[in-house]
Amino acid sequence: MVNVFLGLIVIFLILWKLKREVHKAEKETFDLVGSIIFSITLLLIMYGFSQLSTMRGVWLILLGALGILAFVKWKQRQKLLFWT
């Protein structure tokens, strides 16, 4: 019962504070490619850590690290294209 009460408080606070942040980002577009790269990267790293006792886990974490680099490069490229 306490969890339900705390969950409702958290949802209320999120909705109350999120409105202000959404208004600040009205002119920005959603970066679908960046979101996909970031999601796959997180998936690889999290699954890699769960499989860390095997060599597959090490490879997944390394692929996730490459995904972080790809995400940073993508965002830098987007920033350059946006400002030119």
PDB file of N, CA and C in Angstrom:
ATOM      1  N   MET A   1       0.813  -1.190   0.000  1.00  0.00           N
ATOM      2  CA  MET A   1       0.000   0.000   0.000  1.00  0.00           C
ATOM      3  C   MET A   1       0.861   1.261   0.000  1.00  0.00           C
ATOM      4  N   VAL A   2       1.988   1.192   0.706  1.00  0.00           N
ATOM      5  CA  VAL A   2       2.892   2.340   0.742  1.00  0.00           C
ATOM      6  C   VAL A   2       3.491   2.572  -0.637  1.00  0.00           C
ATOM      7  N   ASN A   3       3.781   1.487  -1.357  1.00  0.00           N
ATOM      8  CA  ASN A   3       4.349   1.625  -2.699  1.00  0.00           C
ATOM      9  C   ASN A   3       3.388   2.331  -3.654  1.00  0.00           C
ATOM     10  N   VAL A   4       2.124   2.040  -3.536  1.00  0.00           N
ATOM     11  CA  VAL A   4       1.124   2.690  -4.389  1.00  0.00           C
ATOM     12  C   VAL A   4       1.079   4.182  -4.092  1.00  0.00           C
ATOM     13  N   PHE A   5       1.077   4.535  -2.816  1.00  0.00           N
ATOM     14  CA  PHE A   5       1.057   5.935  -2.422  1.00  0.00           C
ATOM     15  C   PHE A   5       2.300   6.667  -2.936  1.00  0.00           C
ATOM     16  N   LEU A   6       3.480   6.075  -2.741  1.00  0.00           N
ATOM     17  CA  LEU A   6       4.718   6.696  -3.223  1.00  0.00           C
ATOM     18  C   LEU A   6       4.733   6.786  -4.747  1.00  0.00           C
ATOM     19  N   GLY A   7       4.234   5.773  -5.418  1.00  0.00           N
ATOM     20  CA  GLY A   7       4.164   5.793  -6.879  1.00  0.00           C
ATOM     21  C   GLY A   7       3.285   6.916  -7.393  1.00  0.00           C
ATOM     22  N   LEU A   8       2.140   7.130  -6.744  1.00  0.00           N
ATOM     23  CA  LEU A   8       1.250   8.224  -7.151  1.00  0.00           C
ATOM     24  C   LEU A   8       1.904   9.589  -6.927  1.00  0.00           C
ATOM     25  N   ILE A   9       2.636   9.719  -5.843  1.00  0.00           N
ATOM     26  CA  ILE A   9       3.348  10.976  -5.593  1.00  0.00           C
ATOM     27  C   ILE A   9       4.401  11.216  -6.666  1.00  0.00           C
ATOM     28  N   VAL A  10       5.138  10.189  -7.017  1.00  0.00           N
ATOM     29  CA  VAL A  10       6.179  10.319  -8.043  1.00  0.00           C
ATOM     30  C   VAL A  10       5.559  10.669  -9.396  1.00  0.00           C
ATOM     31  N   ILE A  11       4.472  10.019  -9.763  1.00  0.00           N
ATOM     32  CA  ILE A  11       3.807  10.322 -11.036  1.00  0.00           C
ATOM     33  C   ILE A  11       3.314  11.762 -11.047  1.00  0.00           C
ATOM     34  N   PHE A  12       2.725  12.224  -9.952  1.00  0.00           N
ATOM     35  CA  PHE A  12       2.265  13.601  -9.863  1.00  0.00           C
ATOM     36  C   PHE A  12       3.420  14.583 -10.027  1.00  0.00           C
ATOM     37  N   LEU A  13       4.528  14.329  -9.341  1.00  0.00           N
ATOM     38  CA  LEU A  13       5.687  15.225  -9.433  1.00  0.00           C
ATOM     39  C   LEU A  13       6.282  15.238 -10.838  1.00  0.00           C
ATOM     40  N   ILE A  14       6.328  14.096 -11.472  1.00  0.00           N
ATOM     41  CA  ILE A  14       6.864  14.029 -12.835  1.00  0.00           C
ATOM     42  C   ILE A  14       6.002  14.845 -13.795  1.00  0.00           C
ATOM     43  N   LEU A  15       4.692  14.638 -13.723  1.00  0.00           N
ATOM     44  CA  LEU A  15       3.803  15.373 -14.623  1.00  0.00           C
ATOM     45  C   LEU A  15       3.825  16.872 -14.344  1.00  0.00           C
ATOM     46  N   TRP A  16       3.974  17.238 -13.094  1.00  0.00           N
ATOM     47  CA  TRP A  16       3.997  18.645 -12.711  1.00  0.00           C
ATOM     48  C   TRP A  16       5.266  19.326 -13.194  1.00  0.00           C
ATOM     49  N   LYS A  17       6.419  18.671 -13.061  1.00  0.00           N
ATOM     50  CA  LYS A  17       7.692  19.264 -13.460  1.00  0.00           C
ATOM     51  C   LYS A  17       7.953  19.112 -14.959  1.00  0.00           C
ATOM     52  N   LEU A  18       7.443  18.065 -15.571  1.00  0.00           N
ATOM     53  CA  LEU A  18       7.726  17.796 -16.978  1.00  0.00           C
ATOM     54  C   LEU A  18       7.105  18.835 -17.890  1.00  0.00           C
ATOM     55  N   LYS A  19       6.009  19.406 -17.511  1.00  0.00           N
ATOM     56  CA  LYS A  19       5.355  20.415 -18.353  1.00  0.00           C
ATOM     57  C   LYS A  19       6.287  21.574 -18.645  1.00  0.00           C
ATOM     58  N   ARG A  20       7.032  22.007 -17.676  1.00  0.00           N
ATOM     59  CA  ARG A  20       7.953  23.124 -17.869  1.00  0.00           C
ATOM     60  C   ARG A  20       9.075  22.763 -18.830  1.00  0.00           C
ATOM     61  N   GLU A  21       9.571  21.548 -18.743  1.00  0.00           N
ATOM     62  CA  GLU A  21      10.665  21.143 -19.614  1.00  0.00           C
ATOM     63  C   GLU A  21      10.203  20.963 -21.054  1.00  0.00           C
ATOM     64  N   VAL A  22       8.994  20.505 -21.256  1.00  0.00           N
ATOM     65  CA  VAL A  22       8.475  20.306 -22.606  1.00  0.00           C
ATOM     66  C   VAL A  22       8.331  21.648 -23.311  1.00  0.00           C
ATOM     67  N   HIS A  23       7.907  22.655 -22.616  1.00  0.00           N
ATOM     68  CA  HIS A  23       7.750  23.977 -23.227  1.00  0.00           C
ATOM     69  C   HIS A  23       9.091  24.556 -23.670  1.00  0.00           C
ATOM     70  N   LYS A  24      10.151  24.236 -22.978  1.00  0.00           N
ATOM     71  CA  LYS A  24      11.472  24.735 -23.338  1.00  0.00           C
ATOM     72  C   LYS A  24      11.987  24.080 -24.614  1.00  0.00           C
ATOM     73  N   ALA A  25      11.521  22.887 -24.910  1.00  0.00           N
ATOM     74  CA  ALA A  25      12.035  22.131 -26.042  1.00  0.00           C
ATOM     75  C   ALA A  25      11.053  22.088 -27.214  1.00  0.00           C
ATOM     76  N   GLU A  26      10.177  23.057 -27.318  1.00  0.00           N
ATOM     77  CA  GLU A  26       9.164  23.032 -28.377  1.00  0.00           C
ATOM     78  C   GLU A  26       9.764  23.093 -29.774  1.00  0.00           C
ATOM     79  N   LYS A  27      10.834  23.849 -29.966  1.00  0.00           N
ATOM     80  CA  LYS A  27      11.399  24.038 -31.294  1.00  0.00           C
ATOM     81  C   LYS A  27      12.392  22.951 -31.689  1.00  0.00           C
ATOM     82  N   GLU A  28      12.733  22.055 -30.768  1.00  0.00           N
ATOM     83  CA  GLU A  28      13.680  20.989 -31.062  1.00  0.00           C
ATOM     84  C   GLU A  28      12.942  19.803 -31.679  1.00  0.00           C
ATOM     85  N   THR A  29      13.630  19.116 -32.590  1.00  0.00           N
ATOM     86  CA  THR A  29      13.050  17.941 -33.221  1.00  0.00           C
ATOM     87  C   THR A  29      13.539  16.684 -32.508  1.00  0.00           C
ATOM     88  N   PHE A  30      12.788  15.614 -32.644  1.00  0.00           N
ATOM     89  CA  PHE A  30      13.140  14.337 -32.031  1.00  0.00           C
ATOM     90  C   PHE A  30      14.185  13.646 -32.891  1.00  0.00           C
ATOM     91  N   ASP A  31      15.274  13.206 -32.273  1.00  0.00           N
ATOM     92  CA  ASP A  31      16.370  12.538 -32.971  1.00  0.00           C
ATOM     93  C   ASP A  31      16.143  11.029 -32.926  1.00  0.00           C
ATOM     94  N   LEU A  32      15.460  10.499 -33.941  1.00  0.00           N
ATOM     95  CA  LEU A  32      15.126   9.084 -33.972  1.00  0.00           C
ATOM     96  C   LEU A  32      16.373   8.213 -34.072  1.00  0.00           C
ATOM     97  N   VAL A  33      17.292   8.558 -34.971  1.00  0.00           N
ATOM     98  CA  VAL A  33      18.508   7.748 -35.160  1.00  0.00           C
ATOM     99  C   VAL A  33      19.343   7.754 -33.876  1.00  0.00           C
ATOM    100  N   GLY A  34      19.501   8.911 -33.263  1.00  0.00           N
ATOM    101  CA  GLY A  34      20.253   8.994 -32.017  1.00  0.00           C
ATOM    102  C   GLY A  34      19.606   8.172 -30.915  1.00  0.00           C
ATOM    103  N   SER A  35      18.286   8.189 -30.858  1.00  0.00           N
ATOM    104  CA  SER A  35      17.575   7.403 -29.851  1.00  0.00           C
ATOM    105  C   SER A  35      17.772   5.910 -30.069  1.00  0.00           C
ATOM    106  N   ILE A  36      17.766   5.489 -31.316  1.00  0.00           N
ATOM    107  CA  ILE A  36      17.967   4.065 -31.621  1.00  0.00           C
ATOM    108  C   ILE A  36      19.391   3.651 -31.258  1.00  0.00           C
ATOM    109  N   ILE A  37      20.372   4.458 -31.632  1.00  0.00           N
ATOM    110  CA  ILE A  37      21.770   4.151 -31.293  1.00  0.00           C
ATOM    111  C   ILE A  37      21.930   4.061 -29.778  1.00  0.00           C
ATOM    112  N   PHE A  38      21.380   5.040 -29.062  1.00  0.00           N
ATOM    113  CA  PHE A  38      21.505   5.065 -27.607  1.00  0.00           C
ATOM    114  C   PHE A  38      20.809   3.866 -26.971  1.00  0.00           C
ATOM    115  N   SER A  39      19.625   3.499 -27.460  1.00  0.00           N
ATOM    116  CA  SER A  39      18.888   2.365 -26.897  1.00  0.00           C
ATOM    117  C   SER A  39      19.622   1.053 -27.107  1.00  0.00           C
ATOM    118  N   ILE A  40      20.129   0.850 -28.302  1.00  0.00           N
ATOM    119  CA  ILE A  40      20.873  -0.383 -28.583  1.00  0.00           C
ATOM    120  C   ILE A  40      22.145  -0.441 -27.752  1.00  0.00           C
ATOM    121  N   THR A  41      22.802   0.705 -27.596  1.00  0.00           N
ATOM    122  CA  THR A  41      24.011   0.765 -26.780  1.00  0.00           C
ATOM    123  C   THR A  41      23.717   0.375 -25.334  1.00  0.00           C
ATOM    124  N   LEU A  42      22.655   0.938 -24.765  1.00  0.00           N
ATOM    125  CA  LEU A  42      22.291   0.582 -23.397  1.00  0.00           C
ATOM    126  C   LEU A  42      21.934  -0.895 -23.271  1.00  0.00           C
ATOM    127  N   LEU A  43      21.218  -1.417 -24.250  1.00  0.00           N
ATOM    128  CA  LEU A  43      20.854  -2.827 -24.238  1.00  0.00           C
ATOM    129  C   LEU A  43      22.096  -3.712 -24.260  1.00  0.00           C
ATOM    130  N   LEU A  44      23.043  -3.387 -25.129  1.00  0.00           N
ATOM    131  CA  LEU A  44      24.273  -4.177 -25.217  1.00  0.00           C
ATOM    132  C   LEU A  44      25.057  -4.146 -23.916  1.00  0.00           C
ATOM    133  N   ILE A  45      25.187  -2.986 -23.320  1.00  0.00           N
ATOM    134  CA  ILE A  45      25.970  -2.867 -22.085  1.00  0.00           C
ATOM    135  C   ILE A  45      25.275  -3.590 -20.931  1.00  0.00           C
ATOM    136  N   MET A  46      23.968  -3.392 -20.788  1.00  0.00           N
ATOM    137  CA  MET A  46      23.261  -4.032 -19.676  1.00  0.00           C
ATOM    138  C   MET A  46      23.246  -5.555 -19.826  1.00  0.00           C
ATOM    139  N   TYR A  47      22.995  -6.034 -21.031  1.00  0.00           N
ATOM    140  CA  TYR A  47      22.994  -7.486 -21.237  1.00  0.00           C
ATOM    141  C   TYR A  47      24.410  -8.035 -21.118  1.00  0.00           C
ATOM    142  N   GLY A  48      25.398  -7.250 -21.551  1.00  0.00           N
ATOM    143  CA  GLY A  48      26.786  -7.676 -21.416  1.00  0.00           C
ATOM    144  C   GLY A  48      27.190  -7.849 -19.962  1.00  0.00           C
ATOM    145  N   PHE A  49      26.767  -6.933 -19.099  1.00  0.00           N
ATOM    146  CA  PHE A  49      27.090  -7.073 -17.684  1.00  0.00           C
ATOM    147  C   PHE A  49      26.387  -8.273 -17.059  1.00  0.00           C
ATOM    148  N   SER A  50      25.218  -8.619 -17.554  1.00  0.00           N
ATOM    149  CA  SER A  50      24.532  -9.792 -17.011  1.00  0.00           C
ATOM    150  C   SER A  50      25.203 -11.087 -17.471  1.00  0.00           C
ATOM    151  N   GLN A  51      25.955 -11.024 -18.564  1.00  0.00           N
ATOM    152  CA  GLN A  51      26.655 -12.191 -19.095  1.00  0.00           C
ATOM    153  C   GLN A  51      28.170 -12.087 -18.910  1.00  0.00           C
ATOM    154  N   LEU A  52      28.606 -11.302 -17.947  1.00  0.00           N
ATOM    155  CA  LEU A  52      30.027 -10.983 -17.807  1.00  0.00           C
ATOM    156  C   LEU A  52      30.898 -12.189 -17.492  1.00  0.00           C
ATOM    157  N   SER A  53      30.333 -13.241 -16.961  1.00  0.00           N
ATOM    158  CA  SER A  53      31.132 -14.423 -16.650  1.00  0.00           C
ATOM    159  C   SER A  53      31.530 -15.192 -17.908  1.00  0.00           C
ATOM    160  N   THR A  54      30.947 -14.845 -19.042  1.00  0.00           N
ATOM    161  CA  THR A  54      31.305 -15.497 -20.304  1.00  0.00           C
ATOM    162  C   THR A  54      32.007 -14.493 -21.216  1.00  0.00           C
ATOM    163  N   MET A  55      32.630 -15.010 -22.240  1.00  0.00           N
ATOM    164  CA  MET A  55      33.314 -14.140 -23.193  1.00  0.00           C
ATOM    165  C   MET A  55      32.307 -13.309 -23.988  1.00  0.00           C
ATOM    166  N   ARG A  56      31.111 -13.842 -24.179  1.00  0.00           N
ATOM    167  CA  ARG A  56      30.072 -13.099 -24.885  1.00  0.00           C
ATOM    168  C   ARG A  56      29.759 -11.782 -24.173  1.00  0.00           C
ATOM    169  N   GLY A  57      29.737 -11.804 -22.847  1.00  0.00           N
ATOM    170  CA  GLY A  57      29.474 -10.593 -22.085  1.00  0.00           C
ATOM    171  C   GLY A  57      30.532  -9.534 -22.313  1.00  0.00           C
ATOM    172  N   VAL A  58      31.784  -9.946 -22.380  1.00  0.00           N
ATOM    173  CA  VAL A  58      32.874  -8.997 -22.634  1.00  0.00           C
ATOM    174  C   VAL A  58      32.703  -8.364 -24.013  1.00  0.00           C
ATOM    175  N   TRP A  59      32.368  -9.177 -25.005  1.00  0.00           N
ATOM    176  CA  TRP A  59      32.172  -8.653 -26.359  1.00  0.00           C
ATOM    177  C   TRP A  59      30.976  -7.704 -26.431  1.00  0.00           C
ATOM    178  N   LEU A  60      29.924  -8.028 -25.722  1.00  0.00           N
ATOM    179  CA  LEU A  60      28.752  -7.154 -25.721  1.00  0.00           C
ATOM    180  C   LEU A  60      29.069  -5.807 -25.086  1.00  0.00           C
ATOM    181  N   ILE A  61      29.853  -5.816 -24.011  1.00  0.00           N
ATOM    182  CA  ILE A  61      30.236  -4.553 -23.375  1.00  0.00           C
ATOM    183  C   ILE A  61      31.135  -3.747 -24.311  1.00  0.00           C
ATOM    184  N   LEU A  62      32.044  -4.419 -24.999  1.00  0.00           N
ATOM    185  CA  LEU A  62      32.896  -3.712 -25.962  1.00  0.00           C
ATOM    186  C   LEU A  62      32.076  -3.123 -27.106  1.00  0.00           C
ATOM    187  N   LEU A  63      31.089  -3.864 -27.595  1.00  0.00           N
ATOM    188  CA  LEU A  63      30.203  -3.328 -28.627  1.00  0.00           C
ATOM    189  C   LEU A  63      29.406  -2.139 -28.092  1.00  0.00           C
ATOM    190  N   GLY A  64      29.001  -2.214 -26.834  1.00  0.00           N
ATOM    191  CA  GLY A  64      28.305  -1.096 -26.214  1.00  0.00           C
ATOM    192  C   GLY A  64      29.196   0.132 -26.120  1.00  0.00           C
ATOM    193  N   ALA A  65      30.482  -0.073 -25.816  1.00  0.00           N
ATOM    194  CA  ALA A  65      31.423   1.050 -25.767  1.00  0.00           C
ATOM    195  C   ALA A  65      31.575   1.679 -27.150  1.00  0.00           C
ATOM    196  N   LEU A  66      31.615   0.855 -28.175  1.00  0.00           N
ATOM    197  CA  LEU A  66      31.656   1.392 -29.541  1.00  0.00           C
ATOM    198  C   LEU A  66      30.368   2.139 -29.872  1.00  0.00           C
ATOM    199  N   GLY A  67      29.260   1.654 -29.336  1.00  0.00           N
ATOM    200  CA  GLY A  67      27.991   2.339 -29.530  1.00  0.00           C
ATOM    201  C   GLY A  67      27.984   3.715 -28.885  1.00  0.00           C
ATOM    202  N   ILE A  68      28.627   3.835 -27.725  1.00  0.00           N
ATOM    203  CA  ILE A  68      28.738   5.153 -27.082  1.00  0.00           C
ATOM    204  C   ILE A  68      29.516   6.101 -27.982  1.00  0.00           C
ATOM    205  N   LEU A  69      30.623   5.614 -28.542  1.00  0.00           N
ATOM    206  CA  LEU A  69      31.408   6.447 -29.458  1.00  0.00           C
ATOM    207  C   LEU A  69      30.593   6.836 -30.690  1.00  0.00           C
ATOM    208  N   ALA A  70      29.821   5.882 -31.219  1.00  0.00           N
ATOM    209  CA  ALA A  70      28.985   6.170 -32.389  1.00  0.00           C
ATOM    210  C   ALA A  70      27.922   7.208 -32.037  1.00  0.00           C
ATOM    211  N   PHE A  71      27.351   7.102 -30.849  1.00  0.00           N
ATOM    212  CA  PHE A  71      26.339   8.065 -30.423  1.00  0.00           C
ATOM    213  C   PHE A  71      26.937   9.467 -30.291  1.00  0.00           C
ATOM    214  N   VAL A  72      28.113   9.567 -29.700  1.00  0.00           N
ATOM    215  CA  VAL A  72      28.761  10.872 -29.537  1.00  0.00           C
ATOM    216  C   VAL A  72      29.078  11.472 -30.900  1.00  0.00           C
ATOM    217  N   LYS A  73      29.599  10.649 -31.803  1.00  0.00           N
ATOM    218  CA  LYS A  73      29.895  11.138 -33.157  1.00  0.00           C
ATOM    219  C   LYS A  73      28.614  11.598 -33.857  1.00  0.00           C
ATOM    220  N   TRP A  74      27.545  10.848 -33.716  1.00  0.00           N
ATOM    221  CA  TRP A  74      26.270  11.206 -34.344  1.00  0.00           C
ATOM    222  C   TRP A  74      25.767  12.545 -33.814  1.00  0.00           C
ATOM    223  N   LYS A  75      25.828  12.729 -32.489  1.00  0.00           N
ATOM    224  CA  LYS A  75      25.339  13.975 -31.903  1.00  0.00           C
ATOM    225  C   LYS A  75      26.225  15.156 -32.300  1.00  0.00           C
ATOM    226  N   GLN A  76      27.520  14.941 -32.414  1.00  0.00           N
ATOM    227  CA  GLN A  76      28.404  16.017 -32.868  1.00  0.00           C
ATOM    228  C   GLN A  76      28.072  16.390 -34.304  1.00  0.00           C
ATOM    229  N   ARG A  77      27.814  15.409 -35.133  1.00  0.00           N
ATOM    230  CA  ARG A  77      27.466  15.657 -36.536  1.00  0.00           C
ATOM    231  C   ARG A  77      26.133  16.402 -36.629  1.00  0.00           C
ATOM    232  N   GLN A  78      25.170  16.004 -35.806  1.00  0.00           N
ATOM    233  CA  GLN A  78      23.874  16.675 -35.798  1.00  0.00           C
ATOM    234  C   GLN A  78      24.024  18.126 -35.369  1.00  0.00           C
ATOM    235  N   LYS A  79      24.856  18.379 -34.383  1.00  0.00           N
ATOM    236  CA  LYS A  79      25.053  19.736 -33.902  1.00  0.00           C
ATOM    237  C   LYS A  79      25.703  20.591 -34.984  1.00  0.00           C
ATOM    238  N   LEU A  80      26.662  20.022 -35.717  1.00  0.00           N
ATOM    239  CA  LEU A  80      27.323  20.768 -36.786  1.00  0.00           C
ATOM    240  C   LEU A  80      26.345  21.061 -37.925  1.00  0.00           C
ATOM    241  N   LEU A  81      25.513  20.091 -38.283  1.00  0.00           N
ATOM    242  CA  LEU A  81      24.550  20.308 -39.353  1.00  0.00           C
ATOM    243  C   LEU A  81      23.484  21.320 -38.939  1.00  0.00           C
ATOM    244  N   PHE A  82      23.119  21.321 -37.670  1.00  0.00           N
ATOM    245  CA  PHE A  82      22.091  22.241 -37.200  1.00  0.00           C
ATOM    246  C   PHE A  82      22.568  23.683 -37.214  1.00  0.00           C
ATOM    247  N   TRP A  83      23.803  23.915 -36.887  1.00  0.00           N
ATOM    248  CA  TRP A  83      24.317  25.286 -36.765  1.00  0.00           C
ATOM    249  C   TRP A  83      24.887  25.835 -38.048  1.00  0.00           C
ATOM    250  N   THR A  84      25.001  25.049 -39.105  1.00  0.00           N
ATOM    251  CA  THR A  84      25.558  25.584 -40.350  1.00  0.00           C
ATOM    252  C   THR A  84      24.493  26.119 -41.262  1.00  0.00           C
TER     253      THR A  84
END
